[in-house]
Amino acid sequence: MIFVYIIKNNFNKLYIGISENPEKRLKFHNTKSGAIFTKSGHYKIIFKEEYSNLKEARQREIQIKKWSRKKKEFLIEKYKKNLPTKI
C-alpha cells in the first residue's frame, strides 16, 4: 500500500508527499534528512489516504498540491472528522 500524506510543522506550513510508511517517513523529515522544505520545524501527520498503487497515489499527490490552502484545509478537516476524503 502507498499513502498520500500531509504533514504540518509548528510554523503552520504544509508538506504533501507519498510513502509506503508515512510514520517512518515523518521521522526522516523530523531529523532534517527529508526534503529541503521540511528542514525547518517539527512536523506531525495531519492527513493520510491509502492507495493500492504508486500511480494512483502520485496522481492524488499532484492533485492536492495544486489546490489552494483553503481547499487543503477543508480536506484535512474532513479527514479529522473521519469523513470520506477521496473525490
Protein backbone atom coordinates (compact mmCIF):
# COMPACT_ATOMS: atom_id res chain seq x y z
CA MET A 1 0.00 0.00 0.00
CA ILE A 2 1.05 3.57 -0.74
CA PHE A 3 -0.13 6.58 1.24
CA VAL A 4 -0.58 10.21 0.30
CA TYR A 5 0.11 12.21 3.44
CA ILE A 6 0.10 15.80 4.62
CA ILE A 7 2.33 16.95 7.44
CA LYS A 8 2.27 20.29 9.21
CA ASN A 9 5.03 21.99 11.15
CA ASN A 10 4.96 24.34 14.13
CA PHE A 11 5.04 27.30 11.70
CA ASN A 12 1.76 26.08 10.12
CA LYS A 13 3.48 25.05 6.86
CA LEU A 14 2.08 22.06 4.97
CA TYR A 15 4.02 19.41 3.08
CA ILE A 16 2.34 16.81 0.85
CA GLY A 17 4.11 13.58 -0.01
CA ILE A 18 3.73 9.86 -0.66
CA SER A 19 5.22 6.91 1.18
CA GLU A 20 4.70 3.24 1.93
CA ASN A 21 5.24 4.09 5.59
CA PRO A 22 4.24 7.69 6.44
CA GLU A 23 5.20 7.34 10.12
CA LYS A 24 8.72 6.24 9.21
CA ARG A 25 8.94 8.99 6.60
CA LEU A 26 7.82 11.53 9.22
CA LYS A 27 10.74 10.54 11.45
CA PHE A 28 13.02 11.10 8.46
CA HIS A 29 11.54 14.58 7.90
CA ASN A 30 11.87 15.47 11.57
CA THR A 31 15.56 14.55 11.64
CA LYS A 32 16.08 17.17 8.92
CA SER A 33 17.02 14.42 6.45
CA GLY A 34 13.94 14.66 4.26
CA ALA A 35 13.02 17.14 1.57
CA ILE A 36 14.59 20.61 1.68
CA PHE A 37 11.18 22.10 2.50
CA THR A 38 10.93 20.03 5.69
CA LYS A 39 14.27 21.09 7.13
CA SER A 40 12.56 23.78 9.22
CA GLY A 41 10.38 22.94 12.17
CA HIS A 42 8.94 19.80 13.68
CA TYR A 43 6.20 18.08 11.67
CA LYS A 44 3.23 15.90 12.52
CA ILE A 45 0.94 13.89 10.25
CA ILE A 46 -2.44 15.55 9.85
CA PHE A 47 -3.80 13.63 6.85
CA LYS A 48 -3.26 10.37 5.00
CA GLU A 49 -5.04 8.35 2.34
CA GLU A 50 -4.24 4.80 1.27
CA TYR A 51 -3.81 3.71 -2.36
CA SER A 52 -3.18 0.31 -3.88
CA ASN A 53 -0.55 1.51 -6.35
CA LEU A 54 2.03 4.22 -6.89
CA LYS A 55 0.35 5.68 -9.98
CA GLU A 56 -2.91 6.46 -8.16
CA ALA A 57 -1.06 7.88 -5.16
CA ARG A 58 1.15 10.09 -7.33
CA GLN A 59 -1.90 11.43 -9.21
CA ARG A 60 -3.63 12.28 -5.93
CA GLU A 61 -0.48 13.90 -4.53
CA ILE A 62 -0.19 16.13 -7.60
CA GLN A 63 -3.90 16.97 -7.44
CA ILE A 64 -3.71 18.07 -3.79
CA LYS A 65 -0.51 20.07 -4.36
CA LYS A 66 -2.32 22.15 -6.99
CA TRP A 67 -5.12 23.07 -4.59
CA SER A 68 -5.40 26.33 -2.67
CA ARG A 69 -4.54 26.35 1.01
CA LYS A 70 -8.23 26.74 1.82
CA LYS A 71 -9.15 23.59 -0.11
CA LYS A 72 -6.31 21.64 1.56
CA GLU A 73 -7.53 22.77 4.99
CA PHE A 74 -11.06 21.62 4.08
CA LEU A 75 -9.68 18.18 3.14
CA ILE A 76 -7.78 17.98 6.42
CA GLU A 77 -10.92 18.88 8.41
CA LYS A 78 -12.90 16.15 6.62
CA TYR A 79 -10.14 13.69 7.49
CA LYS A 80 -10.16 14.75 11.15
CA LYS A 81 -13.93 14.19 11.27
CA ASN A 82 -13.50 10.77 9.67
CA LEU A 83 -15.48 11.73 6.56
CA PRO A 84 -14.72 10.43 3.04
CA THR A 85 -11.89 12.46 1.51
CA LYS A 86 -11.45 10.93 -1.94
CA ILE A 87 -13.06 12.71 -4.85
